[in-house]
Amino acid sequence: MKLILGWLGICFAVLGVLSIGLQDQIPPEDNLLDVPESILLTIVGVFCMYVGREYLPAGIGYLFGGDDGGDG
């Protein structure tokens, strides 16, 4: 379940960020998400990535994890 949430989180976050970034280039009749919906989708994506962080690739999982090795 966490594996699926992690990868869905990546998809949601990328889709939300792209939708925000390309808001001006997309014609209004073809635009699926408004800016508030895009922000919400991005936040949900980041939350899903946080939940599934242990199953994400090292570069992305590192953003959400602390130092798991410890000093001892």
PDB file of N, CA and C in Angstrom:
ATOM      1  N   MET A   1       0.824  -1.192   0.000  1.00  0.00           N
ATOM      2  CA  MET A   1       0.000   0.000   0.000  1.00  0.00           C
ATOM      3  C   MET A   1       0.871   1.260   0.000  1.00  0.00           C
ATOM      4  N   LYS A   2       1.933   1.244   0.811  1.00  0.00           N
ATOM      5  CA  LYS A   2       2.812   2.411   0.857  1.00  0.00           C
ATOM      6  C   LYS A   2       3.546   2.600  -0.457  1.00  0.00           C
ATOM      7  N   LEU A   3       3.863   1.512  -1.123  1.00  0.00           N
ATOM      8  CA  LEU A   3       4.516   1.605  -2.423  1.00  0.00           C
ATOM      9  C   LEU A   3       3.617   2.341  -3.414  1.00  0.00           C
ATOM     10  N   ILE A   4       2.357   1.969  -3.443  1.00  0.00           N
ATOM     11  CA  ILE A   4       1.397   2.600  -4.351  1.00  0.00           C
ATOM     12  C   ILE A   4       1.197   4.072  -3.984  1.00  0.00           C
ATOM     13  N   LEU A   5       1.082   4.362  -2.689  1.00  0.00           N
ATOM     14  CA  LEU A   5       0.905   5.753  -2.269  1.00  0.00           C
ATOM     15  C   LEU A   5       2.118   6.607  -2.621  1.00  0.00           C
ATOM     16  N   GLY A   6       3.301   6.056  -2.464  1.00  0.00           N
ATOM     17  CA  GLY A   6       4.508   6.811  -2.799  1.00  0.00           C
ATOM     18  C   GLY A   6       4.561   7.197  -4.265  1.00  0.00           C
ATOM     19  N   TRP A   7       4.297   6.229  -5.129  1.00  0.00           N
ATOM     20  CA  TRP A   7       4.357   6.512  -6.566  1.00  0.00           C
ATOM     21  C   TRP A   7       3.176   7.354  -7.037  1.00  0.00           C
ATOM     22  N   LEU A   8       1.996   7.169  -6.440  1.00  0.00           N
ATOM     23  CA  LEU A   8       0.872   8.057  -6.765  1.00  0.00           C
ATOM     24  C   LEU A   8       1.173   9.482  -6.322  1.00  0.00           C
ATOM     25  N   GLY A   9       1.854   9.605  -5.200  1.00  0.00           N
ATOM     26  CA  GLY A   9       2.247  10.922  -4.721  1.00  0.00           C
ATOM     27  C   GLY A   9       3.144  11.638  -5.705  1.00  0.00           C
ATOM     28  N   ILE A  10       4.092  10.901  -6.289  1.00  0.00           N
ATOM     29  CA  ILE A  10       4.962  11.501  -7.305  1.00  0.00           C
ATOM     30  C   ILE A  10       4.125  11.978  -8.491  1.00  0.00           C
ATOM     31  N   CYS A  11       3.221  11.144  -8.939  1.00  0.00           N
ATOM     32  CA  CYS A  11       2.374  11.514 -10.084  1.00  0.00           C
ATOM     33  C   CYS A  11       1.497  12.725  -9.767  1.00  0.00           C
ATOM     34  N   PHE A  12       0.865  12.736  -8.591  1.00  0.00           N
ATOM     35  CA  PHE A  12       0.000  13.850  -8.215  1.00  0.00           C
ATOM     36  C   PHE A  12       0.791  15.142  -8.099  1.00  0.00           C
ATOM     37  N   ALA A  13       1.949  15.087  -7.466  1.00  0.00           N
ATOM     38  CA  ALA A  13       2.748  16.300  -7.277  1.00  0.00           C
ATOM     39  C   ALA A  13       3.235  16.855  -8.614  1.00  0.00           C
ATOM     40  N   VAL A  14       3.704  15.976  -9.490  1.00  0.00           N
ATOM     41  CA  VAL A  14       4.179  16.437 -10.793  1.00  0.00           C
ATOM     42  C   VAL A  14       3.017  17.024 -11.600  1.00  0.00           C
ATOM     43  N   LEU A  15       1.883  16.360 -11.592  1.00  0.00           N
ATOM     44  CA  LEU A  15       0.721  16.871 -12.316  1.00  0.00           C
ATOM     45  C   LEU A  15       0.269  18.219 -11.769  1.00  0.00           C
ATOM     46  N   GLY A  16       0.254  18.362 -10.455  1.00  0.00           N
ATOM     47  CA  GLY A  16      -0.145  19.628  -9.845  1.00  0.00           C
ATOM     48  C   GLY A  16       0.809  20.757 -10.172  1.00  0.00           C
ATOM     49  N   VAL A  17       2.112  20.485 -10.084  1.00  0.00           N
ATOM     50  CA  VAL A  17       3.107  21.520 -10.380  1.00  0.00           C
ATOM     51  C   VAL A  17       3.064  21.905 -11.858  1.00  0.00           C
ATOM     52  N   LEU A  18       2.946  20.916 -12.738  1.00  0.00           N
ATOM     53  CA  LEU A  18       2.849  21.230 -14.172  1.00  0.00           C
ATOM     54  C   LEU A  18       1.586  22.025 -14.486  1.00  0.00           C
ATOM     55  N   SER A  19       0.497  21.689 -13.828  1.00  0.00           N
ATOM     56  CA  SER A  19      -0.745  22.406 -14.063  1.00  0.00           C
ATOM     57  C   SER A  19      -0.632  23.860 -13.608  1.00  0.00           C
ATOM     58  N   ILE A  20       0.057  24.087 -12.486  1.00  0.00           N
ATOM     59  CA  ILE A  20       0.259  25.465 -12.024  1.00  0.00           C
ATOM     60  C   ILE A  20       1.186  26.205 -12.983  1.00  0.00           C
ATOM     61  N   GLY A  21       2.268  25.551 -13.370  1.00  0.00           N
ATOM     62  CA  GLY A  21       3.259  26.207 -14.226  1.00  0.00           C
ATOM     63  C   GLY A  21       2.771  26.500 -15.622  1.00  0.00           C
ATOM     64  N   LEU A  22       1.897  25.662 -16.138  1.00  0.00           N
ATOM     65  CA  LEU A  22       1.419  25.841 -17.513  1.00  0.00           C
ATOM     66  C   LEU A  22       0.016  26.446 -17.573  1.00  0.00           C
ATOM     67  N   GLN A  23      -0.425  27.031 -16.485  1.00  0.00           N
ATOM     68  CA  GLN A  23      -1.777  27.586 -16.400  1.00  0.00           C
ATOM     69  C   GLN A  23      -2.032  28.621 -17.499  1.00  0.00           C
ATOM     70  N   ASP A  24      -1.043  29.458 -17.814  1.00  0.00           N
ATOM     71  CA  ASP A  24      -1.240  30.521 -18.810  1.00  0.00           C
ATOM     72  C   ASP A  24      -1.168  30.006 -20.245  1.00  0.00           C
ATOM     73  N   GLN A  25      -0.473  28.902 -20.481  1.00  0.00           N
ATOM     74  CA  GLN A  25      -0.309  28.393 -21.837  1.00  0.00           C
ATOM     75  C   GLN A  25      -1.476  27.506 -22.290  1.00  0.00           C
ATOM     76  N   ILE A  26      -2.233  26.963 -21.355  1.00  0.00           N
ATOM     77  CA  ILE A  26      -3.337  26.063 -21.688  1.00  0.00           C
ATOM     78  C   ILE A  26      -4.599  26.902 -21.911  1.00  0.00           C
ATOM     79  N   PRO A  27      -5.302  26.688 -23.024  1.00  0.00           N
ATOM     80  CA  PRO A  27      -6.561  27.416 -23.240  1.00  0.00           C
ATOM     81  C   PRO A  27      -7.571  27.077 -22.137  1.00  0.00           C
ATOM     82  N   PRO A  28      -8.399  28.029 -21.742  1.00  0.00           N
ATOM     83  CA  PRO A  28      -9.345  27.800 -20.639  1.00  0.00           C
ATOM     84  C   PRO A  28     -10.284  26.622 -20.867  1.00  0.00           C
ATOM     85  N   GLU A  29     -10.664  26.367 -22.106  1.00  0.00           N
ATOM     86  CA  GLU A  29     -11.592  25.248 -22.348  1.00  0.00           C
ATOM     87  C   GLU A  29     -10.906  23.890 -22.217  1.00  0.00           C
ATOM     88  N   ASP A  30      -9.579  23.841 -22.332  1.00  0.00           N
ATOM     89  CA  ASP A  30      -8.839  22.588 -22.196  1.00  0.00           C
ATOM     90  C   ASP A  30      -8.237  22.400 -20.805  1.00  0.00           C
ATOM     91  N   ASN A  31      -8.349  23.405 -19.966  1.00  0.00           N
ATOM     92  CA  ASN A  31      -7.743  23.357 -18.645  1.00  0.00           C
ATOM     93  C   ASN A  31      -8.592  22.485 -17.709  1.00  0.00           C
ATOM     94  N   LEU A  32      -7.990  21.451 -17.153  1.00  0.00           N
ATOM     95  CA  LEU A  32      -8.714  20.536 -16.274  1.00  0.00           C
ATOM     96  C   LEU A  32      -8.746  21.006 -14.828  1.00  0.00           C
ATOM     97  N   LEU A  33      -7.666  21.654 -14.376  1.00  0.00           N
ATOM     98  CA  LEU A  33      -7.561  22.054 -12.978  1.00  0.00           C
ATOM     99  C   LEU A  33      -7.350  23.559 -12.852  1.00  0.00           C
ATOM    100  N   ASP A  34      -8.043  24.171 -11.904  1.00  0.00           N
ATOM    101  CA  ASP A  34      -7.783  25.559 -11.568  1.00  0.00           C
ATOM    102  C   ASP A  34      -6.577  25.606 -10.638  1.00  0.00           C
ATOM    103  N   VAL A  35      -6.116  26.805 -10.318  1.00  0.00           N
ATOM    104  CA  VAL A  35      -4.945  26.948  -9.457  1.00  0.00           C
ATOM    105  C   VAL A  35      -5.190  26.371  -8.056  1.00  0.00           C
ATOM    106  N   PRO A  36      -6.318  26.655  -7.394  1.00  0.00           N
ATOM    107  CA  PRO A  36      -6.521  26.049  -6.065  1.00  0.00           C
ATOM    108  C   PRO A  36      -6.565  24.518  -6.109  1.00  0.00           C
ATOM    109  N   GLU A  37      -7.163  23.974  -7.156  1.00  0.00           N
ATOM    110  CA  GLU A  37      -7.200  22.511  -7.287  1.00  0.00           C
ATOM    111  C   GLU A  37      -5.800  21.942  -7.532  1.00  0.00           C
ATOM    112  N   SER A  38      -4.990  22.664  -8.288  1.00  0.00           N
ATOM    113  CA  SER A  38      -3.623  22.233  -8.556  1.00  0.00           C
ATOM    114  C   SER A  38      -2.788  22.260  -7.283  1.00  0.00           C
ATOM    115  N   ILE A  39      -2.976  23.297  -6.480  1.00  0.00           N
ATOM    116  CA  ILE A  39      -2.248  23.386  -5.215  1.00  0.00           C
ATOM    117  C   ILE A  39      -2.669  22.255  -4.291  1.00  0.00           C
ATOM    118  N   LEU A  40      -3.952  21.970  -4.227  1.00  0.00           N
ATOM    119  CA  LEU A  40      -4.441  20.868  -3.397  1.00  0.00           C
ATOM    120  C   LEU A  40      -3.893  19.538  -3.891  1.00  0.00           C
ATOM    121  N   LEU A  41      -3.861  19.332  -5.188  1.00  0.00           N
ATOM    122  CA  LEU A  41      -3.324  18.091  -5.748  1.00  0.00           C
ATOM    123  C   LEU A  41      -1.837  17.949  -5.423  1.00  0.00           C
ATOM    124  N   THR A  42      -1.103  19.043  -5.464  1.00  0.00           N
ATOM    125  CA  THR A  42       0.315  19.011  -5.123  1.00  0.00           C
ATOM    126  C   THR A  42       0.506  18.673  -3.646  1.00  0.00           C
ATOM    127  N   ILE A  43      -0.293  19.261  -2.775  1.00  0.00           N
ATOM    128  CA  ILE A  43      -0.189  18.978  -1.340  1.00  0.00           C
ATOM    129  C   ILE A  43      -0.529  17.528  -1.050  1.00  0.00           C
ATOM    130  N   VAL A  44      -1.577  17.012  -1.672  1.00  0.00           N
ATOM    131  CA  VAL A  44      -1.932  15.603  -1.501  1.00  0.00           C
ATOM    132  C   VAL A  44      -0.807  14.709  -2.013  1.00  0.00           C
ATOM    133  N   GLY A  45      -0.192  15.092  -3.131  1.00  0.00           N
ATOM    134  CA  GLY A  45       0.924  14.330  -3.670  1.00  0.00           C
ATOM    135  C   GLY A  45       2.111  14.292  -2.737  1.00  0.00           C
ATOM    136  N   VAL A  46       2.439  15.424  -2.134  1.00  0.00           N
ATOM    137  CA  VAL A  46       3.554  15.469  -1.187  1.00  0.00           C
ATOM    138  C   VAL A  46       3.234  14.629   0.045  1.00  0.00           C
ATOM    139  N   PHE A  47       2.001  14.670   0.517  1.00  0.00           N
ATOM    140  CA  PHE A  47       1.614  13.842   1.661  1.00  0.00           C
ATOM    141  C   PHE A  47       1.720  12.356   1.327  1.00  0.00           C
ATOM    142  N   CYS A  48       1.258  11.962   0.152  1.00  0.00           N
ATOM    143  CA  CYS A  48       1.359  10.561  -0.261  1.00  0.00           C
ATOM    144  C   CYS A  48       2.816  10.132  -0.401  1.00  0.00           C
ATOM    145  N   MET A  49       3.667  11.026  -0.912  1.00  0.00           N
ATOM    146  CA  MET A  49       5.091  10.700  -0.997  1.00  0.00           C
ATOM    147  C   MET A  49       5.689  10.548   0.394  1.00  0.00           C
ATOM    148  N   TYR A  50       5.229  11.355   1.349  1.00  0.00           N
ATOM    149  CA  TYR A  50       5.731  11.233   2.718  1.00  0.00           C
ATOM    150  C   TYR A  50       5.333   9.890   3.330  1.00  0.00           C
ATOM    151  N   VAL A  51       4.099   9.475   3.090  1.00  0.00           N
ATOM    152  CA  VAL A  51       3.640   8.198   3.633  1.00  0.00           C
ATOM    153  C   VAL A  51       4.426   7.033   3.030  1.00  0.00           C
ATOM    154  N   GLY A  52       4.694   7.070   1.742  1.00  0.00           N
ATOM    155  CA  GLY A  52       5.397   5.981   1.071  1.00  0.00           C
ATOM    156  C   GLY A  52       6.870   6.248   0.847  1.00  0.00           C
ATOM    157  N   ARG A  53       7.469   7.102   1.659  1.00  0.00           N
ATOM    158  CA  ARG A  53       8.853   7.545   1.443  1.00  0.00           C
ATOM    159  C   ARG A  53       9.871   6.422   1.455  1.00  0.00           C
ATOM    160  N   GLU A  54       9.626   5.357   2.182  1.00  0.00           N
ATOM    161  CA  GLU A  54      10.616   4.267   2.241  1.00  0.00           C
ATOM    162  C   GLU A  54      10.661   3.431   0.973  1.00  0.00           C
ATOM    163  N   TYR A  55       9.669   3.570   0.110  1.00  0.00           N
ATOM    164  CA  TYR A  55       9.638   2.819  -1.144  1.00  0.00           C
ATOM    165  C   TYR A  55       9.971   3.667  -2.366  1.00  0.00           C
ATOM    166  N   LEU A  56      10.296   4.923  -2.153  1.00  0.00           N
ATOM    167  CA  LEU A  56      10.623   5.823  -3.259  1.00  0.00           C
ATOM    168  C   LEU A  56      12.103   5.709  -3.600  1.00  0.00           C
ATOM    169  N   PRO A  57      12.478   6.151  -4.801  1.00  0.00           N
ATOM    170  CA  PRO A  57      13.904   6.159  -5.143  1.00  0.00           C
ATOM    171  C   PRO A  57      14.692   7.011  -4.143  1.00  0.00           C
ATOM    172  N   ALA A  58      15.968   6.728  -4.038  1.00  0.00           N
ATOM    173  CA  ALA A  58      16.802   7.328  -2.994  1.00  0.00           C
ATOM    174  C   ALA A  58      16.766   8.854  -3.005  1.00  0.00           C
ATOM    175  N   GLY A  59      16.811   9.472  -4.153  1.00  0.00           N
ATOM    176  CA  GLY A  59      16.835  10.930  -4.218  1.00  0.00           C
ATOM    177  C   GLY A  59      15.573  11.571  -3.684  1.00  0.00           C
ATOM    178  N   ILE A  60      14.432  10.977  -3.955  1.00  0.00           N
ATOM    179  CA  ILE A  60      13.162  11.534  -3.497  1.00  0.00           C
ATOM    180  C   ILE A  60      12.905  11.159  -2.043  1.00  0.00           C
ATOM    181  N   GLY A  61      13.178   9.919  -1.680  1.00  0.00           N
ATOM    182  CA  GLY A  61      12.984   9.482  -0.305  1.00  0.00           C
ATOM    183  C   GLY A  61      13.872  10.225   0.669  1.00  0.00           C
ATOM    184  N   TYR A  62      15.043  10.654   0.201  1.00  0.00           N
ATOM    185  CA  TYR A  62      15.977  11.391   1.051  1.00  0.00           C
ATOM    186  C   TYR A  62      15.391  12.732   1.492  1.00  0.00           C
ATOM    187  N   LEU A  63      14.545  13.342   0.664  1.00  0.00           N
ATOM    188  CA  LEU A  63      13.950  14.623   1.009  1.00  0.00           C
ATOM    189  C   LEU A  63      13.047  14.529   2.234  1.00  0.00           C
ATOM    190  N   PHE A  64      12.453  13.361   2.471  1.00  0.00           N
ATOM    191  CA  PHE A  64      11.496  13.200   3.556  1.00  0.00           C
ATOM    192  C   PHE A  64      12.077  12.512   4.783  1.00  0.00           C
ATOM    193  N   GLY A  65      13.219  11.888   4.660  1.00  0.00           N
ATOM    194  CA  GLY A  65      13.784  11.138   5.772  1.00  0.00           C
ATOM    195  C   GLY A  65      14.917  11.880   6.435  1.00  0.00           C
ATOM    196  N   GLY A  66      15.067  11.590   7.718  1.00  0.00           N
ATOM    197  CA  GLY A  66      16.195  12.133   8.450  1.00  0.00           C
ATOM    198  C   GLY A  66      17.367  11.178   8.328  1.00  0.00           C
ATOM    199  N   ASP A  67      18.294  11.297   9.241  1.00  0.00           N
ATOM    200  CA  ASP A  67      19.455  10.420   9.263  1.00  0.00           C
ATOM    201  C   ASP A  67      19.067   9.143   9.983  1.00  0.00           C
ATOM    202  N   ASP A  68      18.741   8.109   9.239  1.00  0.00           N
ATOM    203  CA  ASP A  68      18.288   6.854   9.832  1.00  0.00           C
ATOM    204  C   ASP A  68      19.429   6.022  10.384  1.00  0.00           C
ATOM    205  N   GLY A  69      20.669   6.318  10.019  1.00  0.00           N
ATOM    206  CA  GLY A  69      21.802   5.511  10.443  1.00  0.00           C
ATOM    207  C   GLY A  69      22.190   5.726  11.899  1.00  0.00           C
ATOM    208  N   GLY A  70      22.056   6.917  12.383  1.00  0.00           N
ATOM    209  CA  GLY A  70      22.440   7.206  13.770  1.00  0.00           C
ATOM    210  C   GLY A  70      23.966   7.296  13.889  1.00  0.00           C
ATOM    211  N   ASP A  71      24.424   7.695  15.067  1.00  0.00           N
ATOM    212  CA  ASP A  71      25.860   7.856  15.298  1.00  0.00           C
ATOM    213  C   ASP A  71      26.475   6.627  15.920  1.00  0.00           C
ATOM    214  N   GLY A  72      25.678   5.723  16.433  1.00  0.00           N
ATOM    215  CA  GLY A  72      26.231   4.580  17.182  1.00  0.00           C
ATOM    216  C   GLY A  72      26.451   3.440  16.391  1.00  0.00           C
TER     217      GLY A  72
END
